């Protein structure tokens, strides 16, 4: 298990110390609107368990937690009306990927054409 900071902003949201605009919730996940959206629609899907990143989650989560989290990503896309025209799910894992909060979170982005995911380095 990776080191988990239980004072990160998502842990504080889960404890009710910081408000969020809930989109979806089940027994093991919480989904809410990003306060600094990077697309027309930008939501975050987090597990309720203390998982620092995707590797930590894959290694330590139960099968139910894994399934719930993936299904939550799709539910949020559908609730936000993104499934017809498409959406992107991004999970940053670690420093090189620019993970800003040390709690696993999936970004569900859409609402308009998002363009290429990455720019080729040789261009």
PDB file of N, CA and C in Angstrom:
ATOM      1  N   UNK A   1       0.834  -1.192   0.000  1.00  0.00           N
ATOM      2  CA  UNK A   1       0.000   0.000   0.000  1.00  0.00           C
ATOM      3  C   UNK A   1       0.877   1.253   0.000  1.00  0.00           C
ATOM      4  N   UNK A   2       0.493   2.209  -0.803  1.00  0.00           N
ATOM      5  CA  UNK A   2       1.207   3.475  -0.865  1.00  0.00           C
ATOM      6  C   UNK A   2       0.885   4.291   0.392  1.00  0.00           C
ATOM      7  N   UNK A   3       1.761   5.234   0.681  1.00  0.00           N
ATOM      8  CA  UNK A   3       1.484   6.134   1.800  1.00  0.00           C
ATOM      9  C   UNK A   3       0.222   6.932   1.496  1.00  0.00           C
ATOM     10  N   UNK A   4      -0.668   6.986   2.442  1.00  0.00           N
ATOM     11  CA  UNK A   4      -1.922   7.690   2.261  1.00  0.00           C
ATOM     12  C   UNK A   4      -2.002   8.831   3.254  1.00  0.00           C
ATOM     13  N   UNK A   5      -2.260  10.033   2.747  1.00  0.00           N
ATOM     14  CA  UNK A   5      -2.408  11.224   3.577  1.00  0.00           C
ATOM     15  C   UNK A   5      -3.896  11.413   3.870  1.00  0.00           C
ATOM     16  N   UNK A   6      -4.319  11.123   5.095  1.00  0.00           N
ATOM     17  CA  UNK A   6      -5.743  11.215   5.397  1.00  0.00           C
ATOM     18  C   UNK A   6      -6.235  12.645   5.595  1.00  0.00           C
ATOM     19  N   UNK A   7      -5.385  13.620   5.325  1.00  0.00           N
ATOM     20  CA  UNK A   7      -5.802  15.020   5.324  1.00  0.00           C
ATOM     21  C   UNK A   7      -5.917  15.589   3.918  1.00  0.00           C
ATOM     22  N   UNK A   8      -5.812  14.731   2.885  1.00  0.00           N
ATOM     23  CA  UNK A   8      -5.965  15.244   1.516  1.00  0.00           C
ATOM     24  C   UNK A   8      -7.403  15.723   1.316  1.00  0.00           C
ATOM     25  N   UNK A   9      -7.606  16.561   0.321  1.00  0.00           N
ATOM     26  CA  UNK A   9      -8.905  17.209   0.127  1.00  0.00           C
ATOM     27  C   UNK A   9     -10.035  16.210  -0.107  1.00  0.00           C
ATOM     28  N   UNK A  10      -9.752  15.093  -0.786  1.00  0.00           N
ATOM     29  CA  UNK A  10     -10.820  14.124  -1.041  1.00  0.00           C
ATOM     30  C   UNK A  10     -11.187  13.355   0.224  1.00  0.00           C
ATOM     31  N   UNK A  11     -10.216  13.053   1.059  1.00  0.00           N
ATOM     32  CA  UNK A  11     -10.514  12.417   2.344  1.00  0.00           C
ATOM     33  C   UNK A  11     -11.374  13.360   3.194  1.00  0.00           C
ATOM     34  N   UNK A  12     -11.075  14.638   3.127  1.00  0.00           N
ATOM     35  CA  UNK A  12     -11.856  15.618   3.888  1.00  0.00           C
ATOM     36  C   UNK A  12     -13.272  15.754   3.330  1.00  0.00           C
ATOM     37  N   UNK A  13     -13.430  15.656   2.008  1.00  0.00           N
ATOM     38  CA  UNK A  13     -14.768  15.654   1.407  1.00  0.00           C
ATOM     39  C   UNK A  13     -15.542  14.432   1.883  1.00  0.00           C
ATOM     40  N   UNK A  14     -14.891  13.274   1.866  1.00  0.00           N
ATOM     41  CA  UNK A  14     -15.557  12.047   2.309  1.00  0.00           C
ATOM     42  C   UNK A  14     -16.009  12.125   3.765  1.00  0.00           C
ATOM     43  N   UNK A  15     -15.246  12.841   4.600  1.00  0.00           N
ATOM     44  CA  UNK A  15     -15.624  12.999   6.019  1.00  0.00           C
ATOM     45  C   UNK A  15     -16.651  14.108   6.226  1.00  0.00           C
ATOM     46  N   UNK A  16     -17.014  14.820   5.172  1.00  0.00           N
ATOM     47  CA  UNK A  16     -17.995  15.889   5.282  1.00  0.00           C
ATOM     48  C   UNK A  16     -17.420  17.205   5.770  1.00  0.00           C
ATOM     49  N   UNK A  17     -16.102  17.328   5.819  1.00  0.00           N
ATOM     50  CA  UNK A  17     -15.459  18.568   6.282  1.00  0.00           C
ATOM     51  C   UNK A  17     -15.442  19.648   5.204  1.00  0.00           C
ATOM     52  N   UNK A  18     -15.506  19.237   3.949  1.00  0.00           N
ATOM     53  CA  UNK A  18     -15.518  20.154   2.815  1.00  0.00           C
ATOM     54  C   UNK A  18     -16.713  19.779   1.956  1.00  0.00           C
ATOM     55  N   UNK A  19     -17.539  20.763   1.577  1.00  0.00           N
ATOM     56  CA  UNK A  19     -18.711  20.427   0.756  1.00  0.00           C
ATOM     57  C   UNK A  19     -18.308  20.089  -0.685  1.00  0.00           C
ATOM     58  N   UNK A  20     -19.158  19.315  -1.333  1.00  0.00           N
ATOM     59  CA  UNK A  20     -18.973  19.015  -2.750  1.00  0.00           C
ATOM     60  C   UNK A  20     -20.348  18.907  -3.395  1.00  0.00           C
ATOM     61  N   UNK A  21     -20.375  19.030  -4.715  1.00  0.00           N
ATOM     62  CA  UNK A  21     -21.619  18.907  -5.469  1.00  0.00           C
ATOM     63  C   UNK A  21     -21.721  17.461  -5.951  1.00  0.00           C
ATOM     64  N   UNK A  22     -22.395  16.628  -5.172  1.00  0.00           N
ATOM     65  CA  UNK A  22     -22.500  15.206  -5.463  1.00  0.00           C
ATOM     66  C   UNK A  22     -23.278  14.960  -6.748  1.00  0.00           C
ATOM     67  N   UNK A  23     -22.733  14.074  -7.580  1.00  0.00           N
ATOM     68  CA  UNK A  23     -23.393  13.637  -8.810  1.00  0.00           C
ATOM     69  C   UNK A  23     -23.919  12.221  -8.645  1.00  0.00           C
ATOM     70  N   UNK A  24     -23.145  11.377  -7.966  1.00  0.00           N
ATOM     71  CA  UNK A  24     -23.491   9.968  -7.830  1.00  0.00           C
ATOM     72  C   UNK A  24     -22.803   9.434  -6.577  1.00  0.00           C
ATOM     73  N   UNK A  25     -23.453   8.489  -5.924  1.00  0.00           N
ATOM     74  CA  UNK A  25     -22.847   7.867  -4.750  1.00  0.00           C
ATOM     75  C   UNK A  25     -23.409   6.472  -4.589  1.00  0.00           C
ATOM     76  N   UNK A  26     -22.549   5.550  -4.202  1.00  0.00           N
ATOM     77  CA  UNK A  26     -22.993   4.220  -3.819  1.00  0.00           C
ATOM     78  C   UNK A  26     -22.211   3.818  -2.572  1.00  0.00           C
ATOM     79  N   UNK A  27     -22.248   2.557  -2.207  1.00  0.00           N
ATOM     80  CA  UNK A  27     -21.621   2.116  -0.960  1.00  0.00           C
ATOM     81  C   UNK A  27     -20.118   2.336  -0.929  1.00  0.00           C
ATOM     82  N   UNK A  28     -19.458   2.322  -2.086  1.00  0.00           N
ATOM     83  CA  UNK A  28     -17.993   2.389  -2.094  1.00  0.00           C
ATOM     84  C   UNK A  28     -17.408   3.544  -2.893  1.00  0.00           C
ATOM     85  N   UNK A  29     -18.248   4.343  -3.563  1.00  0.00           N
ATOM     86  CA  UNK A  29     -17.729   5.452  -4.377  1.00  0.00           C
ATOM     87  C   UNK A  29     -18.518   6.735  -4.145  1.00  0.00           C
ATOM     88  N   UNK A  30     -17.860   7.844  -4.454  1.00  0.00           N
ATOM     89  CA  UNK A  30     -18.491   9.157  -4.448  1.00  0.00           C
ATOM     90  C   UNK A  30     -18.040   9.881  -5.707  1.00  0.00           C
ATOM     91  N   UNK A  31     -18.982  10.530  -6.368  1.00  0.00           N
ATOM     92  CA  UNK A  31     -18.685  11.298  -7.581  1.00  0.00           C
ATOM     93  C   UNK A  31     -19.215  12.710  -7.403  1.00  0.00           C
ATOM     94  N   UNK A  32     -18.425  13.677  -7.847  1.00  0.00           N
ATOM     95  CA  UNK A  32     -18.805  15.074  -7.658  1.00  0.00           C
ATOM     96  C   UNK A  32     -18.188  15.937  -8.744  1.00  0.00           C
ATOM     97  N   UNK A  33     -18.708  17.149  -8.881  1.00  0.00           N
ATOM     98  CA  UNK A  33     -18.208  18.092  -9.878  1.00  0.00           C
ATOM     99  C   UNK A  33     -16.849  18.630  -9.459  1.00  0.00           C
ATOM    100  N   UNK A  34     -15.945  18.773 -10.436  1.00  0.00           N
ATOM    101  CA  UNK A  34     -14.636  19.366 -10.181  1.00  0.00           C
ATOM    102  C   UNK A  34     -14.817  20.869  -9.967  1.00  0.00           C
ATOM    103  N   UNK A  35     -14.158  21.436  -8.956  1.00  0.00           N
ATOM    104  CA  UNK A  35     -14.304  22.869  -8.682  1.00  0.00           C
ATOM    105  C   UNK A  35     -13.497  23.729  -9.654  1.00  0.00           C
ATOM    106  N   UNK A  36     -12.611  23.113 -10.420  1.00  0.00           N
ATOM    107  CA  UNK A  36     -11.814  23.821 -11.415  1.00  0.00           C
ATOM    108  C   UNK A  36     -11.910  23.056 -12.737  1.00  0.00           C
ATOM    109  N   UNK A  37     -13.088  23.088 -13.392  1.00  0.00           N
ATOM    110  CA  UNK A  37     -13.307  22.244 -14.564  1.00  0.00           C
ATOM    111  C   UNK A  37     -12.352  22.553 -15.719  1.00  0.00           C
ATOM    112  N   UNK A  38     -11.893  21.485 -16.363  1.00  0.00           N
ATOM    113  CA  UNK A  38     -10.986  21.590 -17.501  1.00  0.00           C
ATOM    114  C   UNK A  38     -11.691  21.278 -18.812  1.00  0.00           C
ATOM    115  N   UNK A  39     -13.006  21.085 -18.753  1.00  0.00           N
ATOM    116  CA  UNK A  39     -13.827  20.810 -19.934  1.00  0.00           C
ATOM    117  C   UNK A  39     -15.238  21.291 -19.631  1.00  0.00           C
ATOM    118  N   UNK A  40     -16.111  21.241 -20.641  1.00  0.00           N
ATOM    119  CA  UNK A  40     -17.501  21.642 -20.437  1.00  0.00           C
ATOM    120  C   UNK A  40     -18.164  20.873 -19.311  1.00  0.00           C
ATOM    121  N   UNK A  41     -17.812  19.615 -19.197  1.00  0.00           N
ATOM    122  CA  UNK A  41     -18.276  18.763 -18.102  1.00  0.00           C
ATOM    123  C   UNK A  41     -17.042  18.093 -17.515  1.00  0.00           C
ATOM    124  N   UNK A  42     -16.846  18.235 -16.207  1.00  0.00           N
ATOM    125  CA  UNK A  42     -15.663  17.664 -15.552  1.00  0.00           C
ATOM    126  C   UNK A  42     -16.074  17.201 -14.159  1.00  0.00           C
ATOM    127  N   UNK A  43     -16.110  15.885 -13.992  1.00  0.00           N
ATOM    128  CA  UNK A  43     -16.485  15.280 -12.724  1.00  0.00           C
ATOM    129  C   UNK A  43     -15.355  14.399 -12.219  1.00  0.00           C
ATOM    130  N   UNK A  44     -15.368  14.151 -10.928  1.00  0.00           N
ATOM    131  CA  UNK A  44     -14.378  13.286 -10.297  1.00  0.00           C
ATOM    132  C   UNK A  44     -15.094  12.102  -9.659  1.00  0.00           C
ATOM    133  N   UNK A  45     -14.504  10.921  -9.791  1.00  0.00           N
ATOM    134  CA  UNK A  45     -15.042   9.699  -9.209  1.00  0.00           C
ATOM    135  C   UNK A  45     -13.963   9.131  -8.301  1.00  0.00           C
ATOM    136  N   UNK A  46     -14.294   9.000  -7.007  1.00  0.00           N
ATOM    137  CA  UNK A  46     -13.305   8.516  -6.038  1.00  0.00           C
ATOM    138  C   UNK A  46     -13.847   7.316  -5.273  1.00  0.00           C
ATOM    139  N   UNK A  47     -12.961   6.410  -4.897  1.00  0.00           N
ATOM    140  CA  UNK A  47     -13.390   5.354  -3.978  1.00  0.00           C
ATOM    141  C   UNK A  47     -13.487   5.938  -2.568  1.00  0.00           C
ATOM    142  N   UNK A  48     -14.331   5.367  -1.751  1.00  0.00           N
ATOM    143  CA  UNK A  48     -14.450   5.825  -0.367  1.00  0.00           C
ATOM    144  C   UNK A  48     -13.320   5.290   0.504  1.00  0.00           C
ATOM    145  N   UNK A  49     -12.641   4.252   0.041  1.00  0.00           N
ATOM    146  CA  UNK A  49     -11.510   3.708   0.771  1.00  0.00           C
ATOM    147  C   UNK A  49     -10.276   4.572   0.624  1.00  0.00           C
ATOM    148  N   UNK A  50      -9.311   4.381   1.505  1.00  0.00           N
ATOM    149  CA  UNK A  50      -8.077   5.175   1.551  1.00  0.00           C
ATOM    150  C   UNK A  50      -7.046   4.609   0.581  1.00  0.00           C
ATOM    151  N   UNK A  51      -7.209   4.930  -0.704  1.00  0.00           N
ATOM    152  CA  UNK A  51      -6.296   4.468  -1.749  1.00  0.00           C
ATOM    153  C   UNK A  51      -5.594   5.684  -2.352  1.00  0.00           C
ATOM    154  N   UNK A  52      -4.279   5.681  -2.298  1.00  0.00           N
ATOM    155  CA  UNK A  52      -3.508   6.839  -2.745  1.00  0.00           C
ATOM    156  C   UNK A  52      -3.513   7.016  -4.255  1.00  0.00           C
ATOM    157  N   UNK A  53      -3.536   5.907  -4.998  1.00  0.00           N
ATOM    158  CA  UNK A  53      -3.465   6.003  -6.460  1.00  0.00           C
ATOM    159  C   UNK A  53      -4.010   4.713  -7.077  1.00  0.00           C
ATOM    160  N   UNK A  54      -3.970   4.633  -8.394  1.00  0.00           N
ATOM    161  CA  UNK A  54      -4.537   3.482  -9.086  1.00  0.00           C
ATOM    162  C   UNK A  54      -3.802   2.194  -8.747  1.00  0.00           C
ATOM    163  N   UNK A  55      -2.493   2.234  -8.631  1.00  0.00           N
ATOM    164  CA  UNK A  55      -1.736   1.033  -8.282  1.00  0.00           C
ATOM    165  C   UNK A  55      -2.127   0.530  -6.897  1.00  0.00           C
ATOM    166  N   UNK A  56      -2.239   1.440  -5.956  1.00  0.00           N
ATOM    167  CA  UNK A  56      -2.651   1.109  -4.593  1.00  0.00           C
ATOM    168  C   UNK A  56      -4.039   0.470  -4.605  1.00  0.00           C
ATOM    169  N   UNK A  57      -4.940   1.042  -5.384  1.00  0.00           N
ATOM    170  CA  UNK A  57      -6.313   0.545  -5.490  1.00  0.00           C
ATOM    171  C   UNK A  57      -6.334  -0.853  -6.107  1.00  0.00           C
ATOM    172  N   UNK A  58      -5.607  -1.051  -7.197  1.00  0.00           N
ATOM    173  CA  UNK A  58      -5.575  -2.353  -7.863  1.00  0.00           C
ATOM    174  C   UNK A  58      -5.027  -3.437  -6.940  1.00  0.00           C
ATOM    175  N   UNK A  59      -4.055  -3.075  -6.123  1.00  0.00           N
ATOM    176  CA  UNK A  59      -3.436  -4.038  -5.211  1.00  0.00           C
ATOM    177  C   UNK A  59      -4.276  -4.324  -3.971  1.00  0.00           C
ATOM    178  N   UNK A  60      -5.049  -3.338  -3.487  1.00  0.00           N
ATOM    179  CA  UNK A  60      -5.696  -3.495  -2.198  1.00  0.00           C
ATOM    180  C   UNK A  60      -7.207  -3.501  -2.168  1.00  0.00           C
ATOM    181  N   UNK A  61      -7.850  -3.095  -3.246  1.00  0.00           N
ATOM    182  CA  UNK A  61      -9.310  -3.003  -3.241  1.00  0.00           C
ATOM    183  C   UNK A  61      -9.954  -4.368  -3.420  1.00  0.00           C
ATOM    184  N   UNK A  62     -11.150  -4.490  -2.882  1.00  0.00           N
ATOM    185  CA  UNK A  62     -11.930  -5.713  -3.095  1.00  0.00           C
ATOM    186  C   UNK A  62     -12.473  -5.722  -4.518  1.00  0.00           C
ATOM    187  N   UNK A  63     -12.928  -6.883  -4.954  1.00  0.00           N
ATOM    188  CA  UNK A  63     -13.542  -6.976  -6.278  1.00  0.00           C
ATOM    189  C   UNK A  63     -14.756  -6.053  -6.377  1.00  0.00           C
ATOM    190  N   UNK A  64     -15.525  -5.958  -5.306  1.00  0.00           N
ATOM    191  CA  UNK A  64     -16.700  -5.082  -5.306  1.00  0.00           C
ATOM    192  C   UNK A  64     -16.293  -3.617  -5.468  1.00  0.00           C
ATOM    193  N   UNK A  65     -15.246  -3.191  -4.762  1.00  0.00           N
ATOM    194  CA  UNK A  65     -14.778  -1.804  -4.888  1.00  0.00           C
ATOM    195  C   UNK A  65     -14.302  -1.518  -6.310  1.00  0.00           C
ATOM    196  N   UNK A  66     -13.556  -2.454  -6.887  1.00  0.00           N
ATOM    197  CA  UNK A  66     -13.060  -2.273  -8.256  1.00  0.00           C
ATOM    198  C   UNK A  66     -14.228  -2.133  -9.235  1.00  0.00           C
ATOM    199  N   UNK A  67     -15.183  -3.030  -9.141  1.00  0.00           N
ATOM    200  CA  UNK A  67     -16.330  -2.998 -10.051  1.00  0.00           C
ATOM    201  C   UNK A  67     -17.163  -1.735  -9.839  1.00  0.00           C
ATOM    202  N   UNK A  68     -17.412  -1.367  -8.591  1.00  0.00           N
ATOM    203  CA  UNK A  68     -18.208  -0.171  -8.309  1.00  0.00           C
ATOM    204  C   UNK A  68     -17.563   1.077  -8.888  1.00  0.00           C
ATOM    205  N   UNK A  69     -16.248   1.186  -8.766  1.00  0.00           N
ATOM    206  CA  UNK A  69     -15.555   2.391  -9.244  1.00  0.00           C
ATOM    207  C   UNK A  69     -15.669   2.509 -10.764  1.00  0.00           C
ATOM    208  N   UNK A  70     -15.448   1.408 -11.474  1.00  0.00           N
ATOM    209  CA  UNK A  70     -15.558   1.441 -12.938  1.00  0.00           C
ATOM    210  C   UNK A  70     -16.993   1.764 -13.349  1.00  0.00           C
ATOM    211  N   UNK A  71     -17.954   1.134 -12.716  1.00  0.00           N
ATOM    212  CA  UNK A  71     -19.357   1.410 -13.048  1.00  0.00           C
ATOM    213  C   UNK A  71     -19.742   2.850 -12.708  1.00  0.00           C
ATOM    214  N   UNK A  72     -19.165   3.395 -11.663  1.00  0.00           N
ATOM    215  CA  UNK A  72     -19.439   4.790 -11.288  1.00  0.00           C
ATOM    216  C   UNK A  72     -18.943   5.761 -12.352  1.00  0.00           C
ATOM    217  N   UNK A  73     -17.789   5.467 -12.948  1.00  0.00           N
ATOM    218  CA  UNK A  73     -17.276   6.317 -14.026  1.00  0.00           C
ATOM    219  C   UNK A  73     -18.302   6.418 -15.156  1.00  0.00           C
ATOM    220  N   UNK A  74     -18.878   5.287 -15.526  1.00  0.00           N
ATOM    221  CA  UNK A  74     -19.862   5.255 -16.613  1.00  0.00           C
ATOM    222  C   UNK A  74     -21.171   5.913 -16.190  1.00  0.00           C
ATOM    223  N   UNK A  75     -21.617   5.660 -14.960  1.00  0.00           N
ATOM    224  CA  UNK A  75     -22.855   6.307 -14.483  1.00  0.00           C
ATOM    225  C   UNK A  75     -22.734   7.827 -14.529  1.00  0.00           C
ATOM    226  N   UNK A  76     -21.582   8.336 -14.120  1.00  0.00           N
ATOM    227  CA  UNK A  76     -21.381   9.789 -14.127  1.00  0.00           C
ATOM    228  C   UNK A  76     -21.411  10.328 -15.551  1.00  0.00           C
ATOM    229  N   UNK A  77     -20.756   9.638 -16.465  1.00  0.00           N
ATOM    230  CA  UNK A  77     -20.793  10.068 -17.867  1.00  0.00           C
ATOM    231  C   UNK A  77     -22.240  10.114 -18.363  1.00  0.00           C
ATOM    232  N   UNK A  78     -23.004   9.092 -18.046  1.00  0.00           N
ATOM    233  CA  UNK A  78     -24.412   9.053 -18.479  1.00  0.00           C
ATOM    234  C   UNK A  78     -25.234  10.147 -17.804  1.00  0.00           C
ATOM    235  N   UNK A  79     -25.066  10.331 -16.495  1.00  0.00           N
ATOM    236  CA  UNK A  79     -25.820  11.371 -15.780  1.00  0.00           C
ATOM    237  C   UNK A  79     -25.505  12.763 -16.317  1.00  0.00           C
ATOM    238  N   UNK A  80     -24.284  12.947 -16.805  1.00  0.00           N
ATOM    239  CA  UNK A  80     -23.886  14.243 -17.358  1.00  0.00           C
ATOM    240  C   UNK A  80     -24.193  14.360 -18.851  1.00  0.00           C
ATOM    241  N   UNK A  81     -24.859  13.336 -19.424  1.00  0.00           N
ATOM    242  CA  UNK A  81     -25.263  13.378 -20.824  1.00  0.00           C
ATOM    243  C   UNK A  81     -24.114  13.249 -21.802  1.00  0.00           C
ATOM    244  N   UNK A  82     -23.040  12.578 -21.405  1.00  0.00           N
ATOM    245  CA  UNK A  82     -21.843  12.498 -22.234  1.00  0.00           C
ATOM    246  C   UNK A  82     -21.749  11.230 -23.070  1.00  0.00           C
ATOM    247  N   UNK A  83     -22.574  10.243 -22.790  1.00  0.00           N
ATOM    248  CA  UNK A  83     -22.395   8.951 -23.447  1.00  0.00           C
ATOM    249  C   UNK A  83     -22.736   8.969 -24.930  1.00  0.00           C
ATOM    250  N   UNK A  84     -23.595   9.870 -25.386  1.00  0.00           N
ATOM    251  CA  UNK A  84     -23.965   9.900 -26.807  1.00  0.00           C
ATOM    252  C   UNK A  84     -22.825  10.415 -27.686  1.00  0.00           C
ATOM    253  N   UNK A  85     -22.171  11.493 -27.279  1.00  0.00           N
ATOM    254  CA  UNK A  85     -21.123  12.097 -28.106  1.00  0.00           C
ATOM    255  C   UNK A  85     -19.709  11.742 -27.675  1.00  0.00           C
ATOM    256  N   UNK A  86     -19.573  11.094 -26.561  1.00  0.00           N
ATOM    257  CA  UNK A  86     -18.261  10.649 -26.118  1.00  0.00           C
ATOM    258  C   UNK A  86     -17.723  11.423 -24.934  1.00  0.00           C
ATOM    259  N   UNK A  87     -16.811  10.770 -24.246  1.00  0.00           N
ATOM    260  CA  UNK A  87     -16.195  11.354 -23.062  1.00  0.00           C
ATOM    261  C   UNK A  87     -14.821  10.731 -22.882  1.00  0.00           C
ATOM    262  N   UNK A  88     -14.041  11.321 -22.012  1.00  0.00           N
ATOM    263  CA  UNK A  88     -12.704  10.825 -21.700  1.00  0.00           C
ATOM    264  C   UNK A  88     -12.611  10.590 -20.202  1.00  0.00           C
ATOM    265  N   UNK A  89     -11.957   9.491 -19.837  1.00  0.00           N
ATOM    266  CA  UNK A  89     -11.664   9.191 -18.443  1.00  0.00           C
ATOM    267  C   UNK A  89     -10.155   9.246 -18.286  1.00  0.00           C
ATOM    268  N   UNK A  90      -9.697  10.039 -17.341  1.00  0.00           N
ATOM    269  CA  UNK A  90      -8.260  10.179 -17.093  1.00  0.00           C
ATOM    270  C   UNK A  90      -7.984   9.833 -15.639  1.00  0.00           C
ATOM    271  N   UNK A  91      -6.951   9.029 -15.431  1.00  0.00           N
ATOM    272  CA  UNK A  91      -6.479   8.714 -14.089  1.00  0.00           C
ATOM    273  C   UNK A  91      -4.983   8.998 -14.069  1.00  0.00           C
ATOM    274  N   UNK A  92      -4.582   9.988 -13.310  1.00  0.00           N
ATOM    275  CA  UNK A  92      -3.164  10.308 -13.152  1.00  0.00           C
ATOM    276  C   UNK A  92      -2.636   9.528 -11.952  1.00  0.00           C
ATOM    277  N   UNK A  93      -1.476   8.905 -12.117  1.00  0.00           N
ATOM    278  CA  UNK A  93      -0.927   8.061 -11.062  1.00  0.00           C
ATOM    279  C   UNK A  93       0.530   8.447 -10.817  1.00  0.00           C
ATOM    280  N   UNK A  94       0.776   9.183  -9.727  1.00  0.00           N
ATOM    281  CA  UNK A  94       2.133   9.542  -9.353  1.00  0.00           C
ATOM    282  C   UNK A  94       2.597  10.892  -9.887  1.00  0.00           C
ATOM    283  N   UNK A  95       3.798  11.257  -9.484  1.00  0.00           N
ATOM    284  CA  UNK A  95       4.352  12.573  -9.787  1.00  0.00           C
ATOM    285  C   UNK A  95       4.529  12.838 -11.282  1.00  0.00           C
ATOM    286  N   UNK A  96       5.064  11.876 -12.022  1.00  0.00           N
ATOM    287  CA  UNK A  96       5.299  12.108 -13.449  1.00  0.00           C
ATOM    288  C   UNK A  96       4.005  12.289 -14.231  1.00  0.00           C
ATOM    289  N   UNK A  97       2.915  11.769 -13.714  1.00  0.00           N
ATOM    290  CA  UNK A  97       1.610  11.928 -14.359  1.00  0.00           C
ATOM    291  C   UNK A  97       0.873  13.169 -13.841  1.00  0.00           C
ATOM    292  N   UNK A  98       1.503  13.888 -12.923  1.00  0.00           N
ATOM    293  CA  UNK A  98       0.945  15.114 -12.358  1.00  0.00           C
ATOM    294  C   UNK A  98      -0.301  14.849 -11.508  1.00  0.00           C
ATOM    295  N   UNK A  99      -0.260  13.764 -10.722  1.00  0.00           N
ATOM    296  CA  UNK A  99      -1.353  13.511  -9.777  1.00  0.00           C
ATOM    297  C   UNK A  99      -1.243  14.550  -8.671  1.00  0.00           C
ATOM    298  N   UNK A 100      -2.283  15.371  -8.521  1.00  0.00           N
ATOM    299  CA  UNK A 100      -2.235  16.475  -7.574  1.00  0.00           C
ATOM    300  C   UNK A 100      -2.767  16.120  -6.196  1.00  0.00           C
ATOM    301  N   UNK A 101      -3.716  15.195  -6.123  1.00  0.00           N
ATOM    302  CA  UNK A 101      -4.298  14.803  -4.836  1.00  0.00           C
ATOM    303  C   UNK A 101      -3.967  13.332  -4.605  1.00  0.00           C
ATOM    304  N   UNK A 102      -3.365  12.992  -3.467  1.00  0.00           N
ATOM    305  CA  UNK A 102      -2.959  11.614  -3.219  1.00  0.00           C
ATOM    306  C   UNK A 102      -4.106  10.708  -2.753  1.00  0.00           C
ATOM    307  N   UNK A 103      -5.195  10.748  -3.500  1.00  0.00           N
ATOM    308  CA  UNK A 103      -6.335   9.851  -3.313  1.00  0.00           C
ATOM    309  C   UNK A 103      -6.785   9.504  -4.729  1.00  0.00           C
ATOM    310  N   UNK A 104      -6.924   8.213  -5.032  1.00  0.00           N
ATOM    311  CA  UNK A 104      -7.336   7.815  -6.376  1.00  0.00           C
ATOM    312  C   UNK A 104      -8.565   8.594  -6.817  1.00  0.00           C
ATOM    313  N   UNK A 105      -8.503   9.124  -8.021  1.00  0.00           N
ATOM    314  CA  UNK A 105      -9.651   9.797  -8.601  1.00  0.00           C
ATOM    315  C   UNK A 105      -9.604   9.696 -10.107  1.00  0.00           C
ATOM    316  N   UNK A 106     -10.758   9.439 -10.688  1.00  0.00           N
ATOM    317  CA  UNK A 106     -10.902   9.424 -12.133  1.00  0.00           C
ATOM    318  C   UNK A 106     -11.599  10.696 -12.567  1.00  0.00           C
ATOM    319  N   UNK A 107     -11.043  11.329 -13.585  1.00  0.00           N
ATOM    320  CA  UNK A 107     -11.660  12.518 -14.176  1.00  0.00           C
ATOM    321  C   UNK A 107     -12.554  12.050 -15.319  1.00  0.00           C
ATOM    322  N   UNK A 108     -13.816  12.458 -15.330  1.00  0.00           N
ATOM    323  CA  UNK A 108     -14.732  12.168 -16.429  1.00  0.00           C
ATOM    324  C   UNK A 108     -14.979  13.500 -17.122  1.00  0.00           C
ATOM    325  N   UNK A 109     -14.455  13.623 -18.356  1.00  0.00           N
ATOM    326  CA  UNK A 109     -14.471  14.880 -19.085  1.00  0.00           C
ATOM    327  C   UNK A 109     -15.259  14.755 -20.381  1.00  0.00           C
ATOM    328  N   UNK A 110     -15.946  15.812 -20.758  1.00  0.00           N
ATOM    329  CA  UNK A 110     -16.673  15.823 -22.018  1.00  0.00           C
ATOM    330  C   UNK A 110     -17.423  17.122 -22.186  1.00  0.00           C
ATOM    331  N   UNK A 111     -18.442  17.065 -23.015  1.00  0.00           N
ATOM    332  CA  UNK A 111     -19.259  18.250 -23.255  1.00  0.00           C
ATOM    333  C   UNK A 111     -18.903  18.979 -24.528  1.00  0.00           C
ATOM    334  N   UNK A 112     -17.748  18.651 -25.117  1.00  0.00           N
ATOM    335  CA  UNK A 112     -17.313  19.199 -26.395  1.00  0.00           C
ATOM    336  C   UNK A 112     -16.142  18.359 -26.874  1.00  0.00           C
ATOM    337  N   UNK A 113     -15.711  18.577 -28.114  1.00  0.00           N
ATOM    338  CA  UNK A 113     -14.566  17.834 -28.638  1.00  0.00           C
ATOM    339  C   UNK A 113     -13.336  18.164 -27.790  1.00  0.00           C
ATOM    340  N   UNK A 114     -12.663  17.147 -27.297  1.00  0.00           N
ATOM    341  CA  UNK A 114     -11.543  17.339 -26.374  1.00  0.00           C
ATOM    342  C   UNK A 114     -10.188  17.413 -27.061  1.00  0.00           C
ATOM    343  N   UNK A 115     -10.116  17.054 -28.321  1.00  0.00           N
ATOM    344  CA  UNK A 115      -8.839  17.104 -29.036  1.00  0.00           C
ATOM    345  C   UNK A 115      -7.952  15.922 -28.665  1.00  0.00           C
ATOM    346  N   UNK A 116      -6.711  15.944 -29.160  1.00  0.00           N
ATOM    347  CA  UNK A 116      -5.818  14.812 -28.898  1.00  0.00           C
ATOM    348  C   UNK A 116      -5.458  14.744 -27.416  1.00  0.00           C
ATOM    349  N   UNK A 117      -5.186  13.521 -26.965  1.00  0.00           N
ATOM    350  CA  UNK A 117      -4.875  13.338 -25.559  1.00  0.00           C
ATOM    351  C   UNK A 117      -3.503  13.907 -25.224  1.00  0.00           C
ATOM    352  N   UNK A 118      -2.525  13.625 -26.053  1.00  0.00           N
ATOM    353  CA  UNK A 118      -1.171  14.111 -25.825  1.00  0.00           C
ATOM    354  C   UNK A 118      -0.599  14.616 -27.142  1.00  0.00           C
ATOM    355  N   UNK A 119       0.308  15.553 -27.038  1.00  0.00           N
ATOM    356  CA  UNK A 119       1.042  16.001 -28.213  1.00  0.00           C
ATOM    357  C   UNK A 119       2.281  15.145 -28.352  1.00  0.00           C
ATOM    358  N   UNK A 120       2.538  14.684 -29.550  1.00  0.00           N
ATOM    359  CA  UNK A 120       3.733  13.869 -29.758  1.00  0.00           C
ATOM    360  C   UNK A 120       4.971  14.681 -29.445  1.00  0.00           C
ATOM    361  N   UNK A 121       5.927  14.058 -28.790  1.00  0.00           N
ATOM    362  CA  UNK A 121       7.149  14.753 -28.392  1.00  0.00           C
ATOM    363  C   UNK A 121       8.048  15.086 -29.565  1.00  0.00           C
ATOM    364  N   UNK A 122       7.919  14.361 -30.687  1.00  0.00           N
ATOM    365  CA  UNK A 122       8.812  14.586 -31.825  1.00  0.00           C
ATOM    366  C   UNK A 122       8.261  15.632 -32.791  1.00  0.00           C
ATOM    367  N   UNK A 123       7.213  16.310 -32.425  1.00  0.00           N
ATOM    368  CA  UNK A 123       6.643  17.337 -33.304  1.00  0.00           C
ATOM    369  C   UNK A 123       7.085  18.723 -32.884  1.00  0.00           C
TER     370      UNK A 123
END
